[in-house]
Amino acid sequence: MAKITFPSDWWRRHNSSDLLYELRLRFVSKAECAQVWKVLEKEHMVGETGSVLIGGAAIQHLGVSEGGNAAEVLIISGGEDALDSLGYAIEDLEEAVGKAEVGMPEVVDHVRSLERG
C-alpha cells in the first residue's frame, strides 16, 4: 500500500518554529473517508471544532471535494516540532486507513507557510 508523504526538503528548510505545514488529502469516496474518520475519532481526542488532535498536529475533515463524490481531510502542524507531529499524524492516519480497510488517500496539495496570527 502506498504511503502518505510530504516534500523531503521540508526537513532541511525547517528553520523557524513559526512555520505551518499543511497536507490536503483526498479519499476516492465520501464513504471511505467516513470510515477512516470514525476510526480516528474512536482512537484520538477530538477538539471543540471537530478536528482530530494528534500530538501537535490536527486532522480536519473538509468534507466533499469538487465533483461531489470524493472527500478531503487536512493535516495541519506548526511549531518547533511541527514535522515530527506531522509525521505522527500521517502514521496514525495510515493506520486508520488500514483498520478501515479502504484505499490510501492521495496528497492533492501541500503548503509550507508562516503561521497566520
PDB file of N, CA and C in Angstrom:
ATOM      1  N   MET A   1       0.846  -1.181   0.000  1.00  0.00           N
ATOM      2  CA  MET A   1       0.000   0.000   0.000  1.00  0.00           C
ATOM      3  C   MET A   1       0.893   1.246   0.000  1.00  0.00           C
ATOM      4  N   ALA A   2       0.531   2.244  -0.780  1.00  0.00           N
ATOM      5  CA  ALA A   2       1.301   3.483  -0.875  1.00  0.00           C
ATOM      6  C   ALA A   2       1.283   4.224   0.460  1.00  0.00           C
ATOM      7  N   LYS A   3       2.331   4.961   0.699  1.00  0.00           N
ATOM      8  CA  LYS A   3       2.445   5.751   1.919  1.00  0.00           C
ATOM      9  C   LYS A   3       2.146   7.216   1.620  1.00  0.00           C
ATOM     10  N   ILE A   4       1.705   7.934   2.626  1.00  0.00           N
ATOM     11  CA  ILE A   4       1.481   9.370   2.516  1.00  0.00           C
ATOM     12  C   ILE A   4       2.819  10.057   2.761  1.00  0.00           C
ATOM     13  N   THR A   5       3.207  10.958   1.880  1.00  0.00           N
ATOM     14  CA  THR A   5       4.487  11.654   2.030  1.00  0.00           C
ATOM     15  C   THR A   5       4.300  13.161   1.878  1.00  0.00           C
ATOM     16  N   PHE A   6       5.309  13.883   2.346  1.00  0.00           N
ATOM     17  CA  PHE A   6       5.365  15.327   2.133  1.00  0.00           C
ATOM     18  C   PHE A   6       6.743  15.648   1.565  1.00  0.00           C
ATOM     19  N   PRO A   7       6.939  16.840   1.006  1.00  0.00           N
ATOM     20  CA  PRO A   7       8.220  17.166   0.367  1.00  0.00           C
ATOM     21  C   PRO A   7       9.407  16.957   1.306  1.00  0.00           C
ATOM     22  N   SER A   8      10.401  16.227   0.839  1.00  0.00           N
ATOM     23  CA  SER A   8      11.561  15.896   1.673  1.00  0.00           C
ATOM     24  C   SER A   8      12.378  17.127   2.050  1.00  0.00           C
ATOM     25  N   ASP A   9      12.319  18.180   1.271  1.00  0.00           N
ATOM     26  CA  ASP A   9      13.098  19.373   1.603  1.00  0.00           C
ATOM     27  C   ASP A   9      12.515  20.142   2.786  1.00  0.00           C
ATOM     28  N   TRP A  10      11.312  19.796   3.229  1.00  0.00           N
ATOM     29  CA  TRP A  10      10.754  20.456   4.402  1.00  0.00           C
ATOM     30  C   TRP A  10      11.645  20.245   5.618  1.00  0.00           C
ATOM     31  N   TRP A  11      12.271  19.089   5.760  1.00  0.00           N
ATOM     32  CA  TRP A  11      13.163  18.846   6.901  1.00  0.00           C
ATOM     33  C   TRP A  11      14.338  19.813   6.866  1.00  0.00           C
ATOM     34  N   ARG A  12      14.936  19.962   5.709  1.00  0.00           N
ATOM     35  CA  ARG A  12      16.107  20.831   5.558  1.00  0.00           C
ATOM     36  C   ARG A  12      15.725  22.296   5.740  1.00  0.00           C
ATOM     37  N   ARG A  13      14.535  22.652   5.329  1.00  0.00           N
ATOM     38  CA  ARG A  13      14.102  24.046   5.345  1.00  0.00           C
ATOM     39  C   ARG A  13      13.336  24.433   6.608  1.00  0.00           C
ATOM     40  N   HIS A  14      13.233  23.525   7.570  1.00  0.00           N
ATOM     41  CA  HIS A  14      12.509  23.852   8.810  1.00  0.00           C
ATOM     42  C   HIS A  14      13.437  24.669   9.704  1.00  0.00           C
ATOM     43  N   ASN A  15      13.397  25.982   9.529  1.00  0.00           N
ATOM     44  CA  ASN A  15      14.334  26.866  10.221  1.00  0.00           C
ATOM     45  C   ASN A  15      13.647  27.847  11.164  1.00  0.00           C
ATOM     46  N   SER A  16      12.368  27.651  11.415  1.00  0.00           N
ATOM     47  CA  SER A  16      11.644  28.546  12.301  1.00  0.00           C
ATOM     48  C   SER A  16      10.457  27.810  12.917  1.00  0.00           C
ATOM     49  N   SER A  17      10.218  28.089  14.197  1.00  0.00           N
ATOM     50  CA  SER A  17       9.047  27.485  14.844  1.00  0.00           C
ATOM     51  C   SER A  17       7.762  28.207  14.437  1.00  0.00           C
ATOM     52  N   ASP A  18       7.893  29.252  13.618  1.00  0.00           N
ATOM     53  CA  ASP A  18       6.723  29.978  13.122  1.00  0.00           C
ATOM     54  C   ASP A  18       6.154  29.378  11.843  1.00  0.00           C
ATOM     55  N   LEU A  19       6.771  28.292  11.367  1.00  0.00           N
ATOM     56  CA  LEU A  19       6.299  27.673  10.131  1.00  0.00           C
ATOM     57  C   LEU A  19       5.091  26.776  10.382  1.00  0.00           C
ATOM     58  N   LEU A  20       4.183  26.797   9.436  1.00  0.00           N
ATOM     59  CA  LEU A  20       2.974  25.982   9.474  1.00  0.00           C
ATOM     60  C   LEU A  20       2.990  25.071   8.252  1.00  0.00           C
ATOM     61  N   TYR A  21       2.689  23.804   8.471  1.00  0.00           N
ATOM     62  CA  TYR A  21       2.692  22.815   7.391  1.00  0.00           C
ATOM     63  C   TYR A  21       1.289  22.253   7.231  1.00  0.00           C
ATOM     64  N   GLU A  22       0.860  22.120   5.983  1.00  0.00           N
ATOM     65  CA  GLU A  22      -0.469  21.593   5.698  1.00  0.00           C
ATOM     66  C   GLU A  22      -0.385  20.566   4.574  1.00  0.00           C
ATOM     67  N   LEU A  23      -1.087  19.461   4.753  1.00  0.00           N
ATOM     68  CA  LEU A  23      -1.247  18.447   3.701  1.00  0.00           C
ATOM     69  C   LEU A  23      -2.739  18.245   3.490  1.00  0.00           C
ATOM     70  N   ARG A  24      -3.191  18.418   2.261  1.00  0.00           N
ATOM     71  CA  ARG A  24      -4.592  18.153   1.929  1.00  0.00           C
ATOM     72  C   ARG A  24      -4.647  16.829   1.191  1.00  0.00           C
ATOM     73  N   LEU A  25      -5.479  15.920   1.706  1.00  0.00           N
ATOM     74  CA  LEU A  25      -5.570  14.568   1.150  1.00  0.00           C
ATOM     75  C   LEU A  25      -6.985  14.280   0.683  1.00  0.00           C
ATOM     76  N   ARG A  26      -7.087  13.528  -0.402  1.00  0.00           N
ATOM     77  CA  ARG A  26      -8.393  13.207  -0.977  1.00  0.00           C
ATOM     78  C   ARG A  26      -8.627  11.699  -0.981  1.00  0.00           C
ATOM     79  N   PHE A  27      -9.746  11.304  -0.390  1.00  0.00           N
ATOM     80  CA  PHE A  27     -10.220   9.920  -0.458  1.00  0.00           C
ATOM     81  C   PHE A  27     -11.091   9.787  -1.699  1.00  0.00           C
ATOM     82  N   VAL A  28     -11.116   8.608  -2.300  1.00  0.00           N
ATOM     83  CA  VAL A  28     -11.878   8.427  -3.539  1.00  0.00           C
ATOM     84  C   VAL A  28     -13.385   8.537  -3.324  1.00  0.00           C
ATOM     85  N   SER A  29     -13.842   8.342  -2.091  1.00  0.00           N
ATOM     86  CA  SER A  29     -15.283   8.453  -1.847  1.00  0.00           C
ATOM     87  C   SER A  29     -15.560   9.005  -0.456  1.00  0.00           C
ATOM     88  N   LYS A  30     -16.747   9.579  -0.317  1.00  0.00           N
ATOM     89  CA  LYS A  30     -17.201  10.070   0.988  1.00  0.00           C
ATOM     90  C   LYS A  30     -17.285   8.922   1.978  1.00  0.00           C
ATOM     91  N   ALA A  31     -17.724   7.765   1.492  1.00  0.00           N
ATOM     92  CA  ALA A  31     -17.898   6.602   2.370  1.00  0.00           C
ATOM     93  C   ALA A  31     -16.567   6.149   2.954  1.00  0.00           C
ATOM     94  N   GLU A  32     -15.525   6.088   2.127  1.00  0.00           N
ATOM     95  CA  GLU A  32     -14.209   5.677   2.629  1.00  0.00           C
ATOM     96  C   GLU A  32     -13.686   6.675   3.648  1.00  0.00           C
ATOM     97  N   CYS A  33     -13.840   7.955   3.359  1.00  0.00           N
ATOM     98  CA  CYS A  33     -13.390   8.982   4.297  1.00  0.00           C
ATOM     99  C   CYS A  33     -14.147   8.860   5.620  1.00  0.00           C
ATOM    100  N   ALA A  34     -15.443   8.620   5.555  1.00  0.00           N
ATOM    101  CA  ALA A  34     -16.261   8.478   6.764  1.00  0.00           C
ATOM    102  C   ALA A  34     -15.810   7.291   7.606  1.00  0.00           C
ATOM    103  N   GLN A  35     -15.451   6.188   6.961  1.00  0.00           N
ATOM    104  CA  GLN A  35     -14.975   5.011   7.695  1.00  0.00           C
ATOM    105  C   GLN A  35     -13.671   5.328   8.429  1.00  0.00           C
ATOM    106  N   VAL A  36     -12.763   6.003   7.761  1.00  0.00           N
ATOM    107  CA  VAL A  36     -11.482   6.363   8.378  1.00  0.00           C
ATOM    108  C   VAL A  36     -11.716   7.360   9.500  1.00  0.00           C
ATOM    109  N   TRP A  37     -12.589   8.321   9.269  1.00  0.00           N
ATOM    110  CA  TRP A  37     -12.861   9.343  10.280  1.00  0.00           C
ATOM    111  C   TRP A  37     -13.430   8.707  11.550  1.00  0.00           C
ATOM    112  N   LYS A  38     -14.260   7.713  11.393  1.00  0.00           N
ATOM    113  CA  LYS A  38     -14.838   7.006  12.540  1.00  0.00           C
ATOM    114  C   LYS A  38     -13.730   6.355  13.379  1.00  0.00           C
ATOM    115  N   VAL A  39     -12.745   5.746  12.717  1.00  0.00           N
ATOM    116  CA  VAL A  39     -11.609   5.130  13.422  1.00  0.00           C
ATOM    117  C   VAL A  39     -10.805   6.206  14.147  1.00  0.00           C
ATOM    118  N   LEU A  40     -10.524   7.317  13.471  1.00  0.00           N
ATOM    119  CA  LEU A  40      -9.743   8.397  14.084  1.00  0.00           C
ATOM    120  C   LEU A  40     -10.439   8.953  15.320  1.00  0.00           C
ATOM    121  N   GLU A  41     -11.741   9.190  15.222  1.00  0.00           N
ATOM    122  CA  GLU A  41     -12.489   9.736  16.361  1.00  0.00           C
ATOM    123  C   GLU A  41     -12.530   8.765  17.535  1.00  0.00           C
ATOM    124  N   LYS A  42     -12.544   7.485  17.247  1.00  0.00           N
ATOM    125  CA  LYS A  42     -12.573   6.473  18.305  1.00  0.00           C
ATOM    126  C   LYS A  42     -11.238   6.403  19.044  1.00  0.00           C
ATOM    127  N   GLU A  43     -10.145   6.620  18.328  1.00  0.00           N
ATOM    128  CA  GLU A  43      -8.816   6.400  18.893  1.00  0.00           C
ATOM    129  C   GLU A  43      -8.096   7.662  19.356  1.00  0.00           C
ATOM    130  N   HIS A  44      -8.630   8.847  19.050  1.00  0.00           N
ATOM    131  CA  HIS A  44      -7.934  10.089  19.386  1.00  0.00           C
ATOM    132  C   HIS A  44      -8.891  11.111  19.981  1.00  0.00           C
ATOM    133  N   MET A  45      -8.310  12.109  20.612  1.00  0.00           N
ATOM    134  CA  MET A  45      -9.078  13.211  21.154  1.00  0.00           C
ATOM    135  C   MET A  45      -9.622  14.050  19.997  1.00  0.00           C
ATOM    136  N   VAL A  46     -10.848  14.514  20.165  1.00  0.00           N
ATOM    137  CA  VAL A  46     -11.473  15.384  19.175  1.00  0.00           C
ATOM    138  C   VAL A  46     -11.649  16.756  19.816  1.00  0.00           C
ATOM    139  N   GLY A  47     -11.170  17.789  19.139  1.00  0.00           N
ATOM    140  CA  GLY A  47     -11.252  19.148  19.657  1.00  0.00           C
ATOM    141  C   GLY A  47     -12.642  19.748  19.503  1.00  0.00           C
ATOM    142  N   GLU A  48     -12.801  20.963  20.031  1.00  0.00           N
ATOM    143  CA  GLU A  48     -14.093  21.649  20.006  1.00  0.00           C
ATOM    144  C   GLU A  48     -14.612  21.886  18.592  1.00  0.00           C
ATOM    145  N   THR A  49     -13.696  22.043  17.632  1.00  0.00           N
ATOM    146  CA  THR A  49     -14.106  22.306  16.245  1.00  0.00           C
ATOM    147  C   THR A  49     -14.320  21.024  15.452  1.00  0.00           C
ATOM    148  N   GLY A  50     -14.140  19.874  16.109  1.00  0.00           N
ATOM    149  CA  GLY A  50     -14.328  18.596  15.430  1.00  0.00           C
ATOM    150  C   GLY A  50     -13.072  18.017  14.825  1.00  0.00           C
ATOM    151  N   SER A  51     -11.951  18.732  14.958  1.00  0.00           N
ATOM    152  CA  SER A  51     -10.683  18.217  14.441  1.00  0.00           C
ATOM    153  C   SER A  51     -10.164  17.104  15.337  1.00  0.00           C
ATOM    154  N   VAL A  52      -9.519  16.121  14.736  1.00  0.00           N
ATOM    155  CA  VAL A  52      -8.860  15.057  15.490  1.00  0.00           C
ATOM    156  C   VAL A  52      -7.485  15.572  15.884  1.00  0.00           C
ATOM    157  N   LEU A  53      -7.168  15.507  17.174  1.00  0.00           N
ATOM    158  CA  LEU A  53      -5.906  16.039  17.690  1.00  0.00           C
ATOM    159  C   LEU A  53      -4.922  14.902  17.914  1.00  0.00           C
ATOM    160  N   ILE A  54      -3.748  15.035  17.302  1.00  0.00           N
ATOM    161  CA  ILE A  54      -2.704  14.017  17.418  1.00  0.00           C
ATOM    162  C   ILE A  54      -1.403  14.740  17.734  1.00  0.00           C
ATOM    163  N   GLY A  55      -1.012  14.727  19.013  1.00  0.00           N
ATOM    164  CA  GLY A  55       0.192  15.449  19.404  1.00  0.00           C
ATOM    165  C   GLY A  55       0.039  16.923  19.071  1.00  0.00           C
ATOM    166  N   GLY A  56       1.036  17.474  18.385  1.00  0.00           N
ATOM    167  CA  GLY A  56       0.998  18.880  17.995  1.00  0.00           C
ATOM    168  C   GLY A  56       0.346  19.115  16.651  1.00  0.00           C
ATOM    169  N   ALA A  57      -0.343  18.138  16.127  1.00  0.00           N
ATOM    170  CA  ALA A  57      -0.991  18.262  14.817  1.00  0.00           C
ATOM    171  C   ALA A  57      -2.495  18.063  14.955  1.00  0.00           C
ATOM    172  N   ALA A  58      -3.202  18.462  13.927  1.00  0.00           N
ATOM    173  CA  ALA A  58      -4.650  18.262  13.877  1.00  0.00           C
ATOM    174  C   ALA A  58      -5.031  17.779  12.486  1.00  0.00           C
ATOM    175  N   ILE A  59      -6.056  16.926  12.446  1.00  0.00           N
ATOM    176  CA  ILE A  59      -6.615  16.491  11.168  1.00  0.00           C
ATOM    177  C   ILE A  59      -8.039  17.027  11.112  1.00  0.00           C
ATOM    178  N   GLN A  60      -8.313  17.798  10.077  1.00  0.00           N
ATOM    179  CA  GLN A  60      -9.643  18.380   9.889  1.00  0.00           C
ATOM    180  C   GLN A  60     -10.366  17.659   8.759  1.00  0.00           C
ATOM    181  N   HIS A  61     -11.636  17.414   8.953  1.00  0.00           N
ATOM    182  CA  HIS A  61     -12.476  16.830   7.898  1.00  0.00           C
ATOM    183  C   HIS A  61     -13.001  17.999   7.068  1.00  0.00           C
ATOM    184  N   LEU A  62     -12.599  18.061   5.799  1.00  0.00           N
ATOM    185  CA  LEU A  62     -13.005  19.168   4.938  1.00  0.00           C
ATOM    186  C   LEU A  62     -14.312  18.898   4.206  1.00  0.00           C
ATOM    187  N   GLY A  63     -14.751  17.664   4.214  1.00  0.00           N
ATOM    188  CA  GLY A  63     -15.994  17.320   3.544  1.00  0.00           C
ATOM    189  C   GLY A  63     -15.795  16.939   2.089  1.00  0.00           C
ATOM    190  N   VAL A  64     -16.857  17.077   1.329  1.00  0.00           N
ATOM    191  CA  VAL A  64     -16.874  16.645  -0.066  1.00  0.00           C
ATOM    192  C   VAL A  64     -16.045  17.601  -0.914  1.00  0.00           C
ATOM    193  N   SER A  65     -15.241  17.031  -1.809  1.00  0.00           N
ATOM    194  CA  SER A  65     -14.406  17.841  -2.692  1.00  0.00           C
ATOM    195  C   SER A  65     -15.134  18.127  -3.994  1.00  0.00           C
ATOM    196  N   GLU A  66     -14.478  18.875  -4.848  1.00  0.00           N
ATOM    197  CA  GLU A  66     -15.057  19.208  -6.148  1.00  0.00           C
ATOM    198  C   GLU A  66     -15.472  17.934  -6.880  1.00  0.00           C
ATOM    199  N   GLY A  67     -16.580  17.996  -7.537  1.00  0.00           N
ATOM    200  CA  GLY A  67     -17.064  16.829  -8.260  1.00  0.00           C
ATOM    201  C   GLY A  67     -18.116  16.050  -7.489  1.00  0.00           C
ATOM    202  N   GLY A  68     -18.141  16.208  -6.156  1.00  0.00           N
ATOM    203  CA  GLY A  68     -19.221  15.655  -5.373  1.00  0.00           C
ATOM    204  C   GLY A  68     -19.081  14.280  -4.769  1.00  0.00           C
ATOM    205  N   ASN A  69     -18.135  13.444  -5.186  1.00  0.00           N
ATOM    206  CA  ASN A  69     -18.060  12.102  -4.614  1.00  0.00           C
ATOM    207  C   ASN A  69     -16.890  11.956  -3.652  1.00  0.00           C
ATOM    208  N   ALA A  70     -15.722  12.480  -4.002  1.00  0.00           N
ATOM    209  CA  ALA A  70     -14.539  12.347  -3.151  1.00  0.00           C
ATOM    210  C   ALA A  70     -14.668  13.244  -1.922  1.00  0.00           C
ATOM    211  N   ALA A  71     -13.913  12.913  -0.865  1.00  0.00           N
ATOM    212  CA  ALA A  71     -13.906  13.720   0.350  1.00  0.00           C
ATOM    213  C   ALA A  71     -12.467  13.977   0.761  1.00  0.00           C
ATOM    214  N   GLU A  72     -12.249  15.103   1.437  1.00  0.00           N
ATOM    215  CA  GLU A  72     -10.886  15.510   1.775  1.00  0.00           C
ATOM    216  C   GLU A  72     -10.706  15.748   3.268  1.00  0.00           C
ATOM    217  N   VAL A  73      -9.462  15.557   3.694  1.00  0.00           N
ATOM    218  CA  VAL A  73      -9.039  15.908   5.045  1.00  0.00           C
ATOM    219  C   VAL A  73      -7.793  16.774   4.928  1.00  0.00           C
ATOM    220  N   LEU A  74      -7.523  17.539   5.978  1.00  0.00           N
ATOM    221  CA  LEU A  74      -6.365  18.420   6.027  1.00  0.00           C
ATOM    222  C   LEU A  74      -5.592  18.121   7.298  1.00  0.00           C
ATOM    223  N   ILE A  75      -4.299  17.844   7.157  1.00  0.00           N
ATOM    224  CA  ILE A  75      -3.428  17.677   8.322  1.00  0.00           C
ATOM    225  C   ILE A  75      -2.654  18.977   8.473  1.00  0.00           C
ATOM    226  N   ILE A  76      -2.681  19.553   9.676  1.00  0.00           N
ATOM    227  CA  ILE A  76      -2.002  20.817   9.953  1.00  0.00           C
ATOM    228  C   ILE A  76      -1.082  20.623  11.146  1.00  0.00           C
ATOM    229  N   SER A  77       0.123  21.189  11.036  1.00  0.00           N
ATOM    230  CA  SER A  77       1.065  21.124  12.140  1.00  0.00           C
ATOM    231  C   SER A  77       1.948  22.366  12.116  1.00  0.00           C
ATOM    232  N   GLY A  78       2.238  22.892  13.292  1.00  0.00           N
ATOM    233  CA  GLY A  78       3.089  24.070  13.393  1.00  0.00           C
ATOM    234  C   GLY A  78       3.925  24.008  14.654  1.00  0.00           C
ATOM    235  N   GLY A  79       4.892  24.904  14.747  1.00  0.00           N
ATOM    236  CA  GLY A  79       5.725  24.983  15.934  1.00  0.00           C
ATOM    237  C   GLY A  79       7.070  24.313  15.769  1.00  0.00           C
ATOM    238  N   GLU A  80       7.811  24.257  16.867  1.00  0.00           N
ATOM    239  CA  GLU A  80       9.185  23.746  16.852  1.00  0.00           C
ATOM    240  C   GLU A  80       9.273  22.308  16.345  1.00  0.00           C
ATOM    241  N   ASP A  81       8.394  21.450  16.809  1.00  0.00           N
ATOM    242  CA  ASP A  81       8.411  20.033  16.418  1.00  0.00           C
ATOM    243  C   ASP A  81       7.342  19.719  15.370  1.00  0.00           C
ATOM    244  N   ALA A  82       7.052  20.687  14.517  1.00  0.00           N
ATOM    245  CA  ALA A  82       5.956  20.562  13.551  1.00  0.00           C
ATOM    246  C   ALA A  82       6.089  19.347  12.650  1.00  0.00           C
ATOM    247  N   LEU A  83       7.289  19.081  12.161  1.00  0.00           N
ATOM    248  CA  LEU A  83       7.443  17.970  11.222  1.00  0.00           C
ATOM    249  C   LEU A  83       7.347  16.618  11.918  1.00  0.00           C
ATOM    250  N   ASP A  84       7.813  16.545  13.165  1.00  0.00           N
ATOM    251  CA  ASP A  84       7.623  15.305  13.929  1.00  0.00           C
ATOM    252  C   ASP A  84       6.130  15.052  14.133  1.00  0.00           C
ATOM    253  N   SER A  85       5.408  16.100  14.547  1.00  0.00           N
ATOM    254  CA  SER A  85       3.963  15.966  14.765  1.00  0.00           C
ATOM    255  C   SER A  85       3.237  15.626  13.472  1.00  0.00           C
ATOM    256  N   LEU A  86       3.657  16.239  12.373  1.00  0.00           N
ATOM    257  CA  LEU A  86       3.065  15.925  11.075  1.00  0.00           C
ATOM    258  C   LEU A  86       3.281  14.453  10.740  1.00  0.00           C
ATOM    259  N   GLY A  87       4.490  13.971  10.994  1.00  0.00           N
ATOM    260  CA  GLY A  87       4.802  12.562  10.747  1.00  0.00           C
ATOM    261  C   GLY A  87       3.945  11.621  11.579  1.00  0.00           C
ATOM    262  N   TYR A  88       3.740  11.961  12.861  1.00  0.00           N
ATOM    263  CA  TYR A  88       2.899  11.121  13.724  1.00  0.00           C
ATOM    264  C   TYR A  88       1.450  11.115  13.231  1.00  0.00           C
ATOM    265  N   ALA A  89       0.958  12.278  12.818  1.00  0.00           N
ATOM    266  CA  ALA A  89      -0.417  12.355  12.320  1.00  0.00           C
ATOM    267  C   ALA A  89      -0.579  11.531  11.043  1.00  0.00           C
ATOM    268  N   ILE A  90       0.424  11.589  10.175  1.00  0.00           N
ATOM    269  CA  ILE A  90       0.392  10.785   8.947  1.00  0.00           C
ATOM    270  C   ILE A  90       0.362   9.303   9.293  1.00  0.00           C
ATOM    271  N   GLU A  91       1.230   8.886  10.227  1.00  0.00           N
ATOM    272  CA  GLU A  91       1.264   7.472  10.627  1.00  0.00           C
ATOM    273  C   GLU A  91      -0.083   7.025  11.183  1.00  0.00           C
ATOM    274  N   ASP A  92      -0.683   7.860  12.033  1.00  0.00           N
ATOM    275  CA  ASP A  92      -1.975   7.497  12.624  1.00  0.00           C
ATOM    276  C   ASP A  92      -3.079   7.463  11.572  1.00  0.00           C
ATOM    277  N   LEU A  93      -3.019   8.368  10.600  1.00  0.00           N
ATOM    278  CA  LEU A  93      -3.996   8.337   9.514  1.00  0.00           C
ATOM    279  C   LEU A  93      -3.820   7.076   8.677  1.00  0.00           C
ATOM    280  N   GLU A  94      -2.580   6.714   8.381  1.00  0.00           N
ATOM    281  CA  GLU A  94      -2.321   5.486   7.619  1.00  0.00           C
ATOM    282  C   GLU A  94      -2.828   4.254   8.368  1.00  0.00           C
ATOM    283  N   GLU A  95      -2.627   4.221   9.694  1.00  0.00           N
ATOM    284  CA  GLU A  95      -3.140   3.106  10.495  1.00  0.00           C
ATOM    285  C   GLU A  95      -4.667   3.055  10.449  1.00  0.00           C
ATOM    286  N   ALA A  96      -5.303   4.218  10.525  1.00  0.00           N
ATOM    287  CA  ALA A  96      -6.767   4.269  10.469  1.00  0.00           C
ATOM    288  C   ALA A  96      -7.273   3.788   9.111  1.00  0.00           C
ATOM    289  N   VAL A  97      -6.557   4.134   8.044  1.00  0.00           N
ATOM    290  CA  VAL A  97      -6.918   3.664   6.701  1.00  0.00           C
ATOM    291  C   VAL A  97      -6.851   2.138   6.658  1.00  0.00           C
ATOM    292  N   GLY A  98      -5.794   1.571   7.245  1.00  0.00           N
ATOM    293  CA  GLY A  98      -5.653   0.116   7.283  1.00  0.00           C
ATOM    294  C   GLY A  98      -6.768  -0.553   8.069  1.00  0.00           C
ATOM    295  N   LYS A  99      -7.106   0.014   9.224  1.00  0.00           N
ATOM    296  CA  LYS A  99      -8.175  -0.557  10.045  1.00  0.00           C
ATOM    297  C   LYS A  99      -9.537  -0.450   9.361  1.00  0.00           C
ATOM    298  N   ALA A 100      -9.730   0.625   8.623  1.00  0.00           N
ATOM    299  CA  ALA A 100     -10.996   0.808   7.912  1.00  0.00           C
ATOM    300  C   ALA A 100     -11.042  -0.004   6.618  1.00  0.00           C
ATOM    301  N   GLU A 101      -9.896  -0.550   6.249  1.00  0.00           N
ATOM    302  CA  GLU A 101      -9.775  -1.374   5.038  1.00  0.00           C
ATOM    303  C   GLU A 101     -10.255  -0.638   3.789  1.00  0.00           C
ATOM    304  N   VAL A 102      -9.731   0.587   3.618  1.00  0.00           N
ATOM    305  CA  VAL A 102     -10.039   1.395   2.436  1.00  0.00           C
ATOM    306  C   VAL A 102      -8.727   1.809   1.766  1.00  0.00           C
ATOM    307  N   GLY A 103      -8.839   2.458   0.633  1.00  0.00           N
ATOM    308  CA  GLY A 103      -7.656   2.896  -0.095  1.00  0.00           C
ATOM    309  C   GLY A 103      -6.999   4.109   0.546  1.00  0.00           C
ATOM    310  N   MET A 104      -5.675   4.207   0.391  1.00  0.00           N
ATOM    311  CA  MET A 104      -4.917   5.331   0.924  1.00  0.00           C
ATOM    312  C   MET A 104      -5.314   6.612   0.188  1.00  0.00           C
ATOM    313  N   PRO A 105      -5.513   7.704   0.920  1.00  0.00           N
ATOM    314  CA  PRO A 105      -5.859   8.955   0.244  1.00  0.00           C
ATOM    315  C   PRO A 105      -4.660   9.499  -0.531  1.00  0.00           C
ATOM    316  N   GLU A 106      -4.960  10.329  -1.510  1.00  0.00           N
ATOM    317  CA  GLU A 106      -3.931  10.945  -2.341  1.00  0.00           C
ATOM    318  C   GLU A 106      -3.638  12.351  -1.823  1.00  0.00           C
ATOM    319  N   VAL A 107      -2.353  12.716  -1.738  1.00  0.00           N
ATOM    320  CA  VAL A 107      -1.983  14.086  -1.384  1.00  0.00           C
ATOM    321  C   VAL A 107      -2.288  14.960  -2.596  1.00  0.00           C
ATOM    322  N   VAL A 108      -3.183  15.927  -2.421  1.00  0.00           N
ATOM    323  CA  VAL A 108      -3.556  16.796  -3.539  1.00  0.00           C
ATOM    324  C   VAL A 108      -2.998  18.204  -3.395  1.00  0.00           C
ATOM    325  N   ASP A 109      -2.481  18.540  -2.212  1.00  0.00           N
ATOM    326  CA  ASP A 109      -1.853  19.845  -2.020  1.00  0.00           C
ATOM    327  C   ASP A 109      -1.001  19.799  -0.763  1.00  0.00           C
ATOM    328  N   HIS A 110       0.061  20.574  -0.762  1.00  0.00           N
ATOM    329  CA  HIS A 110       0.901  20.719   0.422  1.00  0.00           C
ATOM    330  C   HIS A 110       1.377  22.160   0.480  1.00  0.00           C
ATOM    331  N   VAL A 111       1.355  22.715   1.702  1.00  0.00           N
ATOM    332  CA  VAL A 111       1.703  24.117   1.893  1.00  0.00           C
ATOM    333  C   VAL A 111       2.646  24.241   3.073  1.00  0.00           C
ATOM    334  N   ARG A 112       3.690  25.024   2.887  1.00  0.00           N
ATOM    335  CA  ARG A 112       4.619  25.403   3.954  1.00  0.00           C
ATOM    336  C   ARG A 112       4.561  26.918   4.016  1.00  0.00           C
ATOM    337  N   SER A 113       4.147  27.473   5.158  1.00  0.00           N
ATOM    338  CA  SER A 113       3.976  28.923   5.246  1.00  0.00           C
ATOM    339  C   SER A 113       4.245  29.403   6.664  1.00  0.00           C
ATOM    340  N   LEU A 114       4.356  30.718   6.814  1.00  0.00           N
ATOM    341  CA  LEU A 114       4.449  31.287   8.149  1.00  0.00           C
ATOM    342  C   LEU A 114       3.074  31.211   8.789  1.00  0.00           C
ATOM    343  N   GLU A 115       3.058  30.926  10.094  1.00  0.00           N
ATOM    344  CA  GLU A 115       1.781  30.814  10.806  1.00  0.00           C
ATOM    345  C   GLU A 115       0.994  32.099  10.672  1.00  0.00           C
ATOM    346  N   ARG A 116      -0.296  31.931  10.543  1.00  0.00           N
ATOM    347  CA  ARG A 116      -1.187  33.087  10.463  1.00  0.00           C
ATOM    348  C   ARG A 116      -1.547  33.502  11.882  1.00  0.00           C
ATOM    349  N   GLY A 117      -1.376  34.740  12.185  1.00  0.00           N
ATOM    350  CA  GLY A 117      -1.624  35.199  13.535  1.00  0.00           C
ATOM    351  C   GLY A 117      -2.850  35.952  13.630  1.00  0.00           C
TER     352      GLY A 117
END
